[in-house]
């Protein structure tokens, strides 16, 4: 199972394996305070794409499409995490305020598709 959660929300045993999926370390959070198992920068959006989305140069649909194209370059890393998700719960941690339209949601969907084969 692959799910998403804001990194500012409290950790819980149901989270399983927790992966930080933000390119930049979250503001206001000490590295010793965040409960996470791994920080996966490989599967984060490129700086250019991230900045375009946050500055509203592109909308979420365009961002999602471009991000999926970037993710295709990292199939091996995606398959590794998708396989983890078949064995246990994997929680993707993100810092974005928007819980509906963010890169972690796109990433989770892509990973689920990889897991299905």
PDB file of N, CA and C in Angstrom:
ATOM      1  N   UNK A   1       0.850  -1.183   0.000  1.00  0.00           N
ATOM      2  CA  UNK A   1       0.000   0.000   0.000  1.00  0.00           C
ATOM      3  C   UNK A   1       0.894   1.245   0.000  1.00  0.00           C
ATOM      4  N   UNK A   2       0.572   2.170  -0.867  1.00  0.00           N
ATOM      5  CA  UNK A   2       1.318   3.429  -0.938  1.00  0.00           C
ATOM      6  C   UNK A   2       0.351   4.559  -0.631  1.00  0.00           C
ATOM      7  N   UNK A   3       0.708   5.361   0.356  1.00  0.00           N
ATOM      8  CA  UNK A   3      -0.148   6.483   0.745  1.00  0.00           C
ATOM      9  C   UNK A   3       0.690   7.743   0.916  1.00  0.00           C
ATOM     10  N   UNK A   4       0.017   8.849   1.080  1.00  0.00           N
ATOM     11  CA  UNK A   4       0.677  10.144   1.231  1.00  0.00           C
ATOM     12  C   UNK A   4       0.255  10.789   2.546  1.00  0.00           C
ATOM     13  N   UNK A   5       1.165  11.604   3.092  1.00  0.00           N
ATOM     14  CA  UNK A   5       0.874  12.270   4.360  1.00  0.00           C
ATOM     15  C   UNK A   5       1.748  13.521   4.456  1.00  0.00           C
ATOM     16  N   UNK A   6       1.172  14.590   4.974  1.00  0.00           N
ATOM     17  CA  UNK A   6       1.978  15.790   5.228  1.00  0.00           C
ATOM     18  C   UNK A   6       3.009  15.477   6.296  1.00  0.00           C
ATOM     19  N   UNK A   7       4.215  15.887   6.091  1.00  0.00           N
ATOM     20  CA  UNK A   7       5.281  15.579   7.039  1.00  0.00           C
ATOM     21  C   UNK A   7       5.099  16.298   8.364  1.00  0.00           C
ATOM     22  N   UNK A   8       4.247  17.310   8.395  1.00  0.00           N
ATOM     23  CA  UNK A   8       3.989  18.041   9.637  1.00  0.00           C
ATOM     24  C   UNK A   8       2.978  17.311  10.529  1.00  0.00           C
ATOM     25  N   UNK A   9       2.288  16.306   9.969  1.00  0.00           N
ATOM     26  CA  UNK A   9       1.352  15.502  10.760  1.00  0.00           C
ATOM     27  C   UNK A   9       2.142  14.478  11.571  1.00  0.00           C
ATOM     28  N   UNK A  10       1.623  14.130  12.720  1.00  0.00           N
ATOM     29  CA  UNK A  10       2.328  13.205  13.610  1.00  0.00           C
ATOM     30  C   UNK A  10       2.514  11.837  12.963  1.00  0.00           C
ATOM     31  N   UNK A  11       3.670  11.248  13.222  1.00  0.00           N
ATOM     32  CA  UNK A  11       3.955   9.893  12.745  1.00  0.00           C
ATOM     33  C   UNK A  11       3.093   8.902  13.504  1.00  0.00           C
ATOM     34  N   UNK A  12       2.713   7.810  12.834  1.00  0.00           N
ATOM     35  CA  UNK A  12       1.943   6.763  13.494  1.00  0.00           C
ATOM     36  C   UNK A  12       2.442   5.404  13.003  1.00  0.00           C
ATOM     37  N   UNK A  13       2.226   4.358  13.778  1.00  0.00           N
ATOM     38  CA  UNK A  13       2.668   3.020  13.369  1.00  0.00           C
ATOM     39  C   UNK A  13       2.059   2.577  12.034  1.00  0.00           C
ATOM     40  N   UNK A  14       0.855   3.079  11.709  1.00  0.00           N
ATOM     41  CA  UNK A  14       0.191   2.717  10.453  1.00  0.00           C
ATOM     42  C   UNK A  14       0.928   3.257   9.222  1.00  0.00           C
ATOM     43  N   UNK A  15       1.840   4.208   9.436  1.00  0.00           N
ATOM     44  CA  UNK A  15       2.580   4.795   8.312  1.00  0.00           C
ATOM     45  C   UNK A  15       3.515   3.780   7.657  1.00  0.00           C
ATOM     46  N   UNK A  16       3.964   2.809   8.411  1.00  0.00           N
ATOM     47  CA  UNK A  16       4.907   1.841   7.857  1.00  0.00           C
ATOM     48  C   UNK A  16       6.242   2.504   7.532  1.00  0.00           C
ATOM     49  N   UNK A  17       6.731   2.250   6.334  1.00  0.00           N
ATOM     50  CA  UNK A  17       8.015   2.794   5.877  1.00  0.00           C
ATOM     51  C   UNK A  17       7.779   4.211   5.380  1.00  0.00           C
ATOM     52  N   UNK A  18       8.421   5.196   6.002  1.00  0.00           N
ATOM     53  CA  UNK A  18       8.179   6.616   5.703  1.00  0.00           C
ATOM     54  C   UNK A  18       9.299   7.185   4.831  1.00  0.00           C
ATOM     55  N   UNK A  19       8.898   7.719   3.662  1.00  0.00           N
ATOM     56  CA  UNK A  19       9.867   8.267   2.716  1.00  0.00           C
ATOM     57  C   UNK A  19       9.574   9.746   2.490  1.00  0.00           C
ATOM     58  N   UNK A  20      10.557  10.590   2.784  1.00  0.00           N
ATOM     59  CA  UNK A  20      10.446  12.014   2.478  1.00  0.00           C
ATOM     60  C   UNK A  20      10.654  12.184   0.978  1.00  0.00           C
ATOM     61  N   UNK A  21       9.695  12.814   0.305  1.00  0.00           N
ATOM     62  CA  UNK A  21       9.771  12.951  -1.152  1.00  0.00           C
ATOM     63  C   UNK A  21       9.819  14.414  -1.603  1.00  0.00           C
ATOM     64  N   UNK A  22      10.309  15.300  -0.754  1.00  0.00           N
ATOM     65  CA  UNK A  22      10.545  16.693  -1.117  1.00  0.00           C
ATOM     66  C   UNK A  22      12.013  16.856  -1.492  1.00  0.00           C
ATOM     67  N   UNK A  23      12.271  17.663  -2.509  1.00  0.00           N
ATOM     68  CA  UNK A  23      13.657  17.900  -2.934  1.00  0.00           C
ATOM     69  C   UNK A  23      14.434  18.694  -1.884  1.00  0.00           C
ATOM     70  N   UNK A  24      13.757  19.652  -1.248  1.00  0.00           N
ATOM     71  CA  UNK A  24      14.401  20.500  -0.241  1.00  0.00           C
ATOM     72  C   UNK A  24      13.958  20.062   1.153  1.00  0.00           C
ATOM     73  N   UNK A  25      14.856  20.202   2.118  1.00  0.00           N
ATOM     74  CA  UNK A  25      14.475  19.878   3.492  1.00  0.00           C
ATOM     75  C   UNK A  25      13.396  20.853   3.946  1.00  0.00           C
ATOM     76  N   UNK A  26      12.354  20.373   4.612  1.00  0.00           N
ATOM     77  CA  UNK A  26      11.236  21.239   5.016  1.00  0.00           C
ATOM     78  C   UNK A  26      11.643  22.299   6.039  1.00  0.00           C
ATOM     79  N   UNK A  27      11.131  23.488   5.825  1.00  0.00           N
ATOM     80  CA  UNK A  27      11.404  24.607   6.734  1.00  0.00           C
ATOM     81  C   UNK A  27      10.847  24.320   8.120  1.00  0.00           C
ATOM     82  N   UNK A  28      11.611  24.748   9.103  1.00  0.00           N
ATOM     83  CA  UNK A  28      11.143  24.667  10.479  1.00  0.00           C
ATOM     84  C   UNK A  28      11.181  23.280  11.084  1.00  0.00           C
ATOM     85  N   UNK A  29      11.786  22.319  10.400  1.00  0.00           N
ATOM     86  CA  UNK A  29      11.837  20.950  10.917  1.00  0.00           C
ATOM     87  C   UNK A  29      13.304  20.546  11.086  1.00  0.00           C
ATOM     88  N   UNK A  30      13.653  20.158  12.298  1.00  0.00           N
ATOM     89  CA  UNK A  30      15.010  19.668  12.543  1.00  0.00           C
ATOM     90  C   UNK A  30      15.124  18.253  11.995  1.00  0.00           C
ATOM     91  N   UNK A  31      16.283  17.937  11.445  1.00  0.00           N
ATOM     92  CA  UNK A  31      16.475  16.594  10.897  1.00  0.00           C
ATOM     93  C   UNK A  31      16.313  15.523  11.963  1.00  0.00           C
ATOM     94  N   UNK A  32      16.597  15.868  13.195  1.00  0.00           N
ATOM     95  CA  UNK A  32      16.462  14.893  14.280  1.00  0.00           C
ATOM     96  C   UNK A  32      15.013  14.740  14.729  1.00  0.00           C
ATOM     97  N   UNK A  33      14.146  15.674  14.344  1.00  0.00           N
ATOM     98  CA  UNK A  33      12.748  15.634  14.784  1.00  0.00           C
ATOM     99  C   UNK A  33      11.817  14.888  13.822  1.00  0.00           C
ATOM    100  N   UNK A  34      12.189  14.818  12.555  1.00  0.00           N
ATOM    101  CA  UNK A  34      11.318  14.163  11.579  1.00  0.00           C
ATOM    102  C   UNK A  34      11.533  12.648  11.624  1.00  0.00           C
ATOM    103  N   UNK A  35      10.436  11.930  11.766  1.00  0.00           N
ATOM    104  CA  UNK A  35      10.501  10.467  11.752  1.00  0.00           C
ATOM    105  C   UNK A  35      10.375  10.022  10.295  1.00  0.00           C
ATOM    106  N   UNK A  36      11.480   9.508   9.745  1.00  0.00           N
ATOM    107  CA  UNK A  36      11.468   9.025   8.367  1.00  0.00           C
ATOM    108  C   UNK A  36      12.524   7.939   8.209  1.00  0.00           C
ATOM    109  N   UNK A  37      12.313   7.076   7.234  1.00  0.00           N
ATOM    110  CA  UNK A  37      13.235   5.971   6.985  1.00  0.00           C
ATOM    111  C   UNK A  37      14.207   6.291   5.863  1.00  0.00           C
ATOM    112  N   UNK A  38      13.779   7.154   4.959  1.00  0.00           N
ATOM    113  CA  UNK A  38      14.632   7.483   3.815  1.00  0.00           C
ATOM    114  C   UNK A  38      14.191   8.810   3.223  1.00  0.00           C
ATOM    115  N   UNK A  39      15.146   9.502   2.601  1.00  0.00           N
ATOM    116  CA  UNK A  39      14.863  10.741   1.887  1.00  0.00           C
ATOM    117  C   UNK A  39      15.181  10.468   0.433  1.00  0.00           C
ATOM    118  N   UNK A  40      14.162  10.360  -0.386  1.00  0.00           N
ATOM    119  CA  UNK A  40      14.322   9.990  -1.785  1.00  0.00           C
ATOM    120  C   UNK A  40      14.230  11.226  -2.675  1.00  0.00           C
ATOM    121  N   UNK A  41      15.368  11.828  -2.969  1.00  0.00           N
ATOM    122  CA  UNK A  41      15.396  13.007  -3.833  1.00  0.00           C
ATOM    123  C   UNK A  41      15.305  12.625  -5.308  1.00  0.00           C
ATOM    124  N   UNK A  42      15.640  11.376  -5.626  1.00  0.00           N
ATOM    125  CA  UNK A  42      15.644  10.917  -7.012  1.00  0.00           C
ATOM    126  C   UNK A  42      14.281  11.071  -7.677  1.00  0.00           C
ATOM    127  N   UNK A  43      13.219  10.829  -6.937  1.00  0.00           N
ATOM    128  CA  UNK A  43      11.874  10.844  -7.514  1.00  0.00           C
ATOM    129  C   UNK A  43      11.129  12.157  -7.283  1.00  0.00           C
ATOM    130  N   UNK A  44      11.858  13.208  -6.946  1.00  0.00           N
ATOM    131  CA  UNK A  44      11.206  14.508  -6.766  1.00  0.00           C
ATOM    132  C   UNK A  44      11.194  15.264  -8.087  1.00  0.00           C
ATOM    133  N   UNK A  45      10.279  16.217  -8.248  1.00  0.00           N
ATOM    134  CA  UNK A  45      10.269  17.011  -9.475  1.00  0.00           C
ATOM    135  C   UNK A  45      11.569  17.823  -9.601  1.00  0.00           C
ATOM    136  N   UNK A  46      11.974  18.065 -10.828  1.00  0.00           N
ATOM    137  CA  UNK A  46      13.161  18.892 -11.059  1.00  0.00           C
ATOM    138  C   UNK A  46      12.928  20.284 -10.482  1.00  0.00           C
ATOM    139  N   UNK A  47      14.010  20.996 -10.224  1.00  0.00           N
ATOM    140  CA  UNK A  47      13.879  22.357  -9.692  1.00  0.00           C
ATOM    141  C   UNK A  47      13.059  23.242 -10.630  1.00  0.00           C
ATOM    142  N   UNK A  48      13.321  23.131 -11.927  1.00  0.00           N
ATOM    143  CA  UNK A  48      12.604  23.967 -12.896  1.00  0.00           C
ATOM    144  C   UNK A  48      11.104  23.673 -12.867  1.00  0.00           C
ATOM    145  N   UNK A  49      10.746  22.403 -12.820  1.00  0.00           N
ATOM    146  CA  UNK A  49       9.330  22.030 -12.805  1.00  0.00           C
ATOM    147  C   UNK A  49       8.672  22.450 -11.496  1.00  0.00           C
ATOM    148  N   UNK A  50       9.358  22.219 -10.398  1.00  0.00           N
ATOM    149  CA  UNK A  50       8.835  22.604  -9.085  1.00  0.00           C
ATOM    150  C   UNK A  50       8.576  24.111  -9.035  1.00  0.00           C
ATOM    151  N   UNK A  51       9.544  24.896  -9.508  1.00  0.00           N
ATOM    152  CA  UNK A  51       9.391  26.354  -9.487  1.00  0.00           C
ATOM    153  C   UNK A  51       8.270  26.823 -10.400  1.00  0.00           C
ATOM    154  N   UNK A  52       8.129  26.199 -11.562  1.00  0.00           N
ATOM    155  CA  UNK A  52       7.062  26.576 -12.494  1.00  0.00           C
ATOM    156  C   UNK A  52       5.692  26.325 -11.866  1.00  0.00           C
ATOM    157  N   UNK A  53       5.555  25.219 -11.159  1.00  0.00           N
ATOM    158  CA  UNK A  53       4.275  24.900 -10.528  1.00  0.00           C
ATOM    159  C   UNK A  53       3.989  25.837  -9.364  1.00  0.00           C
ATOM    160  N   UNK A  54       4.978  26.067  -8.518  1.00  0.00           N
ATOM    161  CA  UNK A  54       4.761  26.920  -7.346  1.00  0.00           C
ATOM    162  C   UNK A  54       4.540  28.383  -7.716  1.00  0.00           C
ATOM    163  N   UNK A  55       5.077  28.808  -8.840  1.00  0.00           N
ATOM    164  CA  UNK A  55       4.864  30.195  -9.278  1.00  0.00           C
ATOM    165  C   UNK A  55       3.599  30.315 -10.127  1.00  0.00           C
ATOM    166  N   UNK A  56       2.892  29.188 -10.303  1.00  0.00           N
ATOM    167  CA  UNK A  56       1.658  29.110 -11.084  1.00  0.00           C
ATOM    168  C   UNK A  56       1.867  29.443 -12.552  1.00  0.00           C
ATOM    169  N   UNK A  57       3.088  29.209 -13.045  1.00  0.00           N
ATOM    170  CA  UNK A  57       3.373  29.356 -14.473  1.00  0.00           C
ATOM    171  C   UNK A  57       2.653  28.250 -15.242  1.00  0.00           C
ATOM    172  N   UNK A  58       2.539  27.070 -14.613  1.00  0.00           N
ATOM    173  CA  UNK A  58       1.791  25.963 -15.200  1.00  0.00           C
ATOM    174  C   UNK A  58       0.746  25.494 -14.192  1.00  0.00           C
ATOM    175  N   UNK A  59      -0.329  24.895 -14.701  1.00  0.00           N
ATOM    176  CA  UNK A  59      -1.374  24.394 -13.800  1.00  0.00           C
ATOM    177  C   UNK A  59      -1.049  22.956 -13.380  1.00  0.00           C
ATOM    178  N   UNK A  60      -1.894  22.395 -12.519  1.00  0.00           N
ATOM    179  CA  UNK A  60      -1.609  21.068 -11.974  1.00  0.00           C
ATOM    180  C   UNK A  60      -1.612  19.992 -13.056  1.00  0.00           C
ATOM    181  N   UNK A  61      -2.496  20.112 -14.029  1.00  0.00           N
ATOM    182  CA  UNK A  61      -2.554  19.109 -15.110  1.00  0.00           C
ATOM    183  C   UNK A  61      -1.246  19.097 -15.896  1.00  0.00           C
ATOM    184  N   UNK A  62      -0.755  20.280 -16.256  1.00  0.00           N
ATOM    185  CA  UNK A  62       0.511  20.372 -16.998  1.00  0.00           C
ATOM    186  C   UNK A  62       1.674  19.902 -16.134  1.00  0.00           C
ATOM    187  N   UNK A  63       1.649  20.262 -14.854  1.00  0.00           N
ATOM    188  CA  UNK A  63       2.682  19.823 -13.932  1.00  0.00           C
ATOM    189  C   UNK A  63       2.696  18.297 -13.843  1.00  0.00           C
ATOM    190  N   UNK A  64       1.523  17.704 -13.656  1.00  0.00           N
ATOM    191  CA  UNK A  64       1.416  16.248 -13.513  1.00  0.00           C
ATOM    192  C   UNK A  64       1.969  15.525 -14.737  1.00  0.00           C
ATOM    193  N   UNK A  65       1.621  16.022 -15.899  1.00  0.00           N
ATOM    194  CA  UNK A  65       2.092  15.400 -17.141  1.00  0.00           C
ATOM    195  C   UNK A  65       3.618  15.500 -17.260  1.00  0.00           C
ATOM    196  N   UNK A  66       4.160  16.684 -17.003  1.00  0.00           N
ATOM    197  CA  UNK A  66       5.607  16.882 -17.087  1.00  0.00           C
ATOM    198  C   UNK A  66       6.340  16.065 -16.018  1.00  0.00           C
ATOM    199  N   UNK A  67       5.777  15.990 -14.833  1.00  0.00           N
ATOM    200  CA  UNK A  67       6.396  15.239 -13.738  1.00  0.00           C
ATOM    201  C   UNK A  67       6.428  13.750 -14.063  1.00  0.00           C
ATOM    202  N   UNK A  68       5.337  13.231 -14.628  1.00  0.00           N
ATOM    203  CA  UNK A  68       5.304  11.816 -15.019  1.00  0.00           C
ATOM    204  C   UNK A  68       6.381  11.522 -16.073  1.00  0.00           C
ATOM    205  N   UNK A  69       6.600  12.465 -16.971  1.00  0.00           N
ATOM    206  CA  UNK A  69       7.668  12.289 -17.966  1.00  0.00           C
ATOM    207  C   UNK A  69       9.027  12.221 -17.274  1.00  0.00           C
ATOM    208  N   UNK A  70       9.238  13.066 -16.277  1.00  0.00           N
ATOM    209  CA  UNK A  70      10.491  13.022 -15.519  1.00  0.00           C
ATOM    210  C   UNK A  70      10.632  11.696 -14.774  1.00  0.00           C
ATOM    211  N   UNK A  71       9.548  11.221 -14.200  1.00  0.00           N
ATOM    212  CA  UNK A  71       9.588   9.976 -13.435  1.00  0.00           C
ATOM    213  C   UNK A  71       9.973   8.781 -14.299  1.00  0.00           C
ATOM    214  N   UNK A  72       9.590   8.820 -15.568  1.00  0.00           N
ATOM    215  CA  UNK A  72       9.917   7.712 -16.468  1.00  0.00           C
ATOM    216  C   UNK A  72      11.434   7.503 -16.590  1.00  0.00           C
ATOM    217  N   UNK A  73      12.206   8.529 -16.282  1.00  0.00           N
ATOM    218  CA  UNK A  73      13.669   8.423 -16.328  1.00  0.00           C
ATOM    219  C   UNK A  73      14.226   7.697 -15.106  1.00  0.00           C
ATOM    220  N   UNK A  74      13.363   7.397 -14.144  1.00  0.00           N
ATOM    221  CA  UNK A  74      13.809   6.794 -12.884  1.00  0.00           C
ATOM    222  C   UNK A  74      13.015   5.520 -12.570  1.00  0.00           C
ATOM    223  N   UNK A  75      12.805   4.718 -13.592  1.00  0.00           N
ATOM    224  CA  UNK A  75      12.018   3.481 -13.452  1.00  0.00           C
ATOM    225  C   UNK A  75      12.571   2.549 -12.369  1.00  0.00           C
ATOM    226  N   UNK A  76      13.896   2.392 -12.317  1.00  0.00           N
ATOM    227  CA  UNK A  76      14.481   1.453 -11.352  1.00  0.00           C
ATOM    228  C   UNK A  76      14.173   1.856  -9.917  1.00  0.00           C
ATOM    229  N   UNK A  77      14.338   3.141  -9.617  1.00  0.00           N
ATOM    230  CA  UNK A  77      14.042   3.631  -8.263  1.00  0.00           C
ATOM    231  C   UNK A  77      12.548   3.498  -7.970  1.00  0.00           C
ATOM    232  N   UNK A  78      11.728   3.795  -8.960  1.00  0.00           N
ATOM    233  CA  UNK A  78      10.283   3.652  -8.791  1.00  0.00           C
ATOM    234  C   UNK A  78       9.878   2.217  -8.525  1.00  0.00           C
ATOM    235  N   UNK A  79      10.470   1.287  -9.255  1.00  0.00           N
ATOM    236  CA  UNK A  79      10.152  -0.130  -9.068  1.00  0.00           C
ATOM    237  C   UNK A  79      10.588  -0.605  -7.684  1.00  0.00           C
ATOM    238  N   UNK A  80      11.698  -0.083  -7.195  1.00  0.00           N
ATOM    239  CA  UNK A  80      12.169  -0.459  -5.858  1.00  0.00           C
ATOM    240  C   UNK A  80      11.135  -0.059  -4.798  1.00  0.00           C
ATOM    241  N   UNK A  81      10.648   1.178  -4.897  1.00  0.00           N
ATOM    242  CA  UNK A  81       9.672   1.653  -3.907  1.00  0.00           C
ATOM    243  C   UNK A  81       8.317   0.975  -4.106  1.00  0.00           C
ATOM    244  N   UNK A  82       7.932   0.746  -5.354  1.00  0.00           N
ATOM    245  CA  UNK A  82       6.673   0.043  -5.625  1.00  0.00           C
ATOM    246  C   UNK A  82       6.710  -1.356  -5.017  1.00  0.00           C
ATOM    247  N   UNK A  83       7.862  -2.029  -5.112  1.00  0.00           N
ATOM    248  CA  UNK A  83       8.013  -3.371  -4.524  1.00  0.00           C
ATOM    249  C   UNK A  83       7.895  -3.302  -3.002  1.00  0.00           C
ATOM    250  N   UNK A  84       8.457  -2.262  -2.399  1.00  0.00           N
ATOM    251  CA  UNK A  84       8.303  -2.072  -0.948  1.00  0.00           C
ATOM    252  C   UNK A  84       6.828  -1.953  -0.580  1.00  0.00           C
ATOM    253  N   UNK A  85       6.101  -1.212  -1.426  1.00  0.00           N
ATOM    254  CA  UNK A  85       4.680  -1.002  -1.187  1.00  0.00           C
ATOM    255  C   UNK A  85       3.855  -2.263  -1.287  1.00  0.00           C
ATOM    256  N   UNK A  86       4.360  -3.277  -1.988  1.00  0.00           N
ATOM    257  CA  UNK A  86       3.675  -4.565  -2.048  1.00  0.00           C
ATOM    258  C   UNK A  86       3.892  -5.364  -0.767  1.00  0.00           C
ATOM    259  N   UNK A  87       5.015  -5.120  -0.089  1.00  0.00           N
ATOM    260  CA  UNK A  87       5.376  -5.870   1.107  1.00  0.00           C
ATOM    261  C   UNK A  87       4.845  -5.231   2.389  1.00  0.00           C
ATOM    262  N   UNK A  88       4.736  -3.892   2.385  1.00  0.00           N
ATOM    263  CA  UNK A  88       4.326  -3.169   3.588  1.00  0.00           C
ATOM    264  C   UNK A  88       3.749  -1.816   3.191  1.00  0.00           C
ATOM    265  N   UNK A  89       3.186  -1.120   4.149  1.00  0.00           N
ATOM    266  CA  UNK A  89       2.693   0.227   3.887  1.00  0.00           C
ATOM    267  C   UNK A  89       3.885   1.157   3.691  1.00  0.00           C
ATOM    268  N   UNK A  90       3.819   1.963   2.640  1.00  0.00           N
ATOM    269  CA  UNK A  90       4.820   2.989   2.374  1.00  0.00           C
ATOM    270  C   UNK A  90       4.093   4.324   2.397  1.00  0.00           C
ATOM    271  N   UNK A  91       4.578   5.235   3.216  1.00  0.00           N
ATOM    272  CA  UNK A  91       3.978   6.563   3.309  1.00  0.00           C
ATOM    273  C   UNK A  91       4.938   7.585   2.732  1.00  0.00           C
ATOM    274  N   UNK A  92       4.466   8.310   1.718  1.00  0.00           N
ATOM    275  CA  UNK A  92       5.255   9.370   1.093  1.00  0.00           C
ATOM    276  C   UNK A  92       4.995  10.658   1.863  1.00  0.00           C
ATOM    277  N   UNK A  93       6.047  11.232   2.413  1.00  0.00           N
ATOM    278  CA  UNK A  93       5.933  12.452   3.215  1.00  0.00           C
ATOM    279  C   UNK A  93       6.230  13.665   2.353  1.00  0.00           C
ATOM    280  N   UNK A  94       5.363  14.661   2.424  1.00  0.00           N
ATOM    281  CA  UNK A  94       5.531  15.898   1.652  1.00  0.00           C
ATOM    282  C   UNK A  94       5.205  17.092   2.534  1.00  0.00           C
ATOM    283  N   UNK A  95       5.704  18.256   2.144  1.00  0.00           N
ATOM    284  CA  UNK A  95       5.478  19.452   2.935  1.00  0.00           C
ATOM    285  C   UNK A  95       4.407  20.382   2.387  1.00  0.00           C
ATOM    286  N   UNK A  96       3.936  20.161   1.174  1.00  0.00           N
ATOM    287  CA  UNK A  96       2.967  21.055   0.535  1.00  0.00           C
ATOM    288  C   UNK A  96       1.711  21.224   1.380  1.00  0.00           C
ATOM    289  N   UNK A  97       1.147  22.432   1.351  1.00  0.00           N
ATOM    290  CA  UNK A  97      -0.087  22.704   2.093  1.00  0.00           C
ATOM    291  C   UNK A  97      -1.303  22.097   1.408  1.00  0.00           C
ATOM    292  N   UNK A  98      -1.270  22.040   0.080  1.00  0.00           N
ATOM    293  CA  UNK A  98      -2.396  21.522  -0.688  1.00  0.00           C
ATOM    294  C   UNK A  98      -2.378  19.993  -0.635  1.00  0.00           C
ATOM    295  N   UNK A  99      -3.399  19.407  -0.009  1.00  0.00           N
ATOM    296  CA  UNK A  99      -3.468  17.958   0.138  1.00  0.00           C
ATOM    297  C   UNK A  99      -4.031  17.246  -1.087  1.00  0.00           C
ATOM    298  N   UNK A 100      -4.550  17.990  -2.042  1.00  0.00           N
ATOM    299  CA  UNK A 100      -5.176  17.385  -3.215  1.00  0.00           C
ATOM    300  C   UNK A 100      -4.305  17.459  -4.470  1.00  0.00           C
ATOM    301  N   UNK A 101      -3.580  18.568  -4.609  1.00  0.00           N
ATOM    302  CA  UNK A 101      -2.782  18.769  -5.819  1.00  0.00           C
ATOM    303  C   UNK A 101      -1.335  19.045  -5.433  1.00  0.00           C
ATOM    304  N   UNK A 102      -0.564  17.965  -5.342  1.00  0.00           N
ATOM    305  CA  UNK A 102       0.858  18.104  -5.050  1.00  0.00           C
ATOM    306  C   UNK A 102       1.618  16.953  -5.685  1.00  0.00           C
ATOM    307  N   UNK A 103       2.923  17.067  -5.707  1.00  0.00           N
ATOM    308  CA  UNK A 103       3.744  16.071  -6.391  1.00  0.00           C
ATOM    309  C   UNK A 103       3.659  14.689  -5.754  1.00  0.00           C
ATOM    310  N   UNK A 104       3.461  14.611  -4.445  1.00  0.00           N
ATOM    311  CA  UNK A 104       3.385  13.306  -3.777  1.00  0.00           C
ATOM    312  C   UNK A 104       2.191  12.499  -4.282  1.00  0.00           C
ATOM    313  N   UNK A 105       1.087  13.165  -4.580  1.00  0.00           N
ATOM    314  CA  UNK A 105      -0.093  12.470  -5.093  1.00  0.00           C
ATOM    315  C   UNK A 105       0.191  11.881  -6.478  1.00  0.00           C
ATOM    316  N   UNK A 106       0.878  12.653  -7.313  1.00  0.00           N
ATOM    317  CA  UNK A 106       1.249  12.179  -8.654  1.00  0.00           C
ATOM    318  C   UNK A 106       2.220  11.011  -8.525  1.00  0.00           C
ATOM    319  N   UNK A 107       3.203  11.158  -7.652  1.00  0.00           N
ATOM    320  CA  UNK A 107       4.189  10.114  -7.430  1.00  0.00           C
ATOM    321  C   UNK A 107       3.532   8.833  -6.921  1.00  0.00           C
ATOM    322  N   UNK A 108       2.637   8.948  -5.951  1.00  0.00           N
ATOM    323  CA  UNK A 108       1.955   7.773  -5.397  1.00  0.00           C
ATOM    324  C   UNK A 108       1.177   7.038  -6.484  1.00  0.00           C
ATOM    325  N   UNK A 109       0.485   7.782  -7.330  1.00  0.00           N
ATOM    326  CA  UNK A 109      -0.284   7.181  -8.418  1.00  0.00           C
ATOM    327  C   UNK A 109       0.648   6.453  -9.390  1.00  0.00           C
ATOM    328  N   UNK A 110       1.769   7.081  -9.731  1.00  0.00           N
ATOM    329  CA  UNK A 110       2.759   6.472 -10.632  1.00  0.00           C
ATOM    330  C   UNK A 110       3.325   5.192 -10.018  1.00  0.00           C
ATOM    331  N   UNK A 111       3.635   5.229  -8.731  1.00  0.00           N
ATOM    332  CA  UNK A 111       4.175   4.047  -8.045  1.00  0.00           C
ATOM    333  C   UNK A 111       3.160   2.923  -8.000  1.00  0.00           C
ATOM    334  N   UNK A 112       1.898   3.259  -7.781  1.00  0.00           N
ATOM    335  CA  UNK A 112       0.845   2.233  -7.766  1.00  0.00           C
ATOM    336  C   UNK A 112       0.734   1.560  -9.133  1.00  0.00           C
ATOM    337  N   UNK A 113       0.840   2.361 -10.189  1.00  0.00           N
ATOM    338  CA  UNK A 113       0.781   1.801 -11.545  1.00  0.00           C
ATOM    339  C   UNK A 113       1.972   0.878 -11.809  1.00  0.00           C
ATOM    340  N   UNK A 114       3.152   1.268 -11.319  1.00  0.00           N
ATOM    341  CA  UNK A 114       4.327   0.403 -11.457  1.00  0.00           C
ATOM    342  C   UNK A 114       4.117  -0.911 -10.710  1.00  0.00           C
ATOM    343  N   UNK A 115       3.528  -0.832  -9.532  1.00  0.00           N
ATOM    344  CA  UNK A 115       3.317  -2.028  -8.709  1.00  0.00           C
ATOM    345  C   UNK A 115       2.368  -3.009  -9.393  1.00  0.00           C
ATOM    346  N   UNK A 116       1.400  -2.464 -10.139  1.00  0.00           N
ATOM    347  CA  UNK A 116       0.440  -3.311 -10.838  1.00  0.00           C
ATOM    348  C   UNK A 116       1.078  -4.002 -12.050  1.00  0.00           C
ATOM    349  N   UNK A 117       2.189  -3.425 -12.517  1.00  0.00           N
ATOM    350  CA  UNK A 117       2.915  -4.031 -13.627  1.00  0.00           C
ATOM    351  C   UNK A 117       2.420  -3.548 -14.927  1.00  0.00           C
TER     352      UNK A 117
END
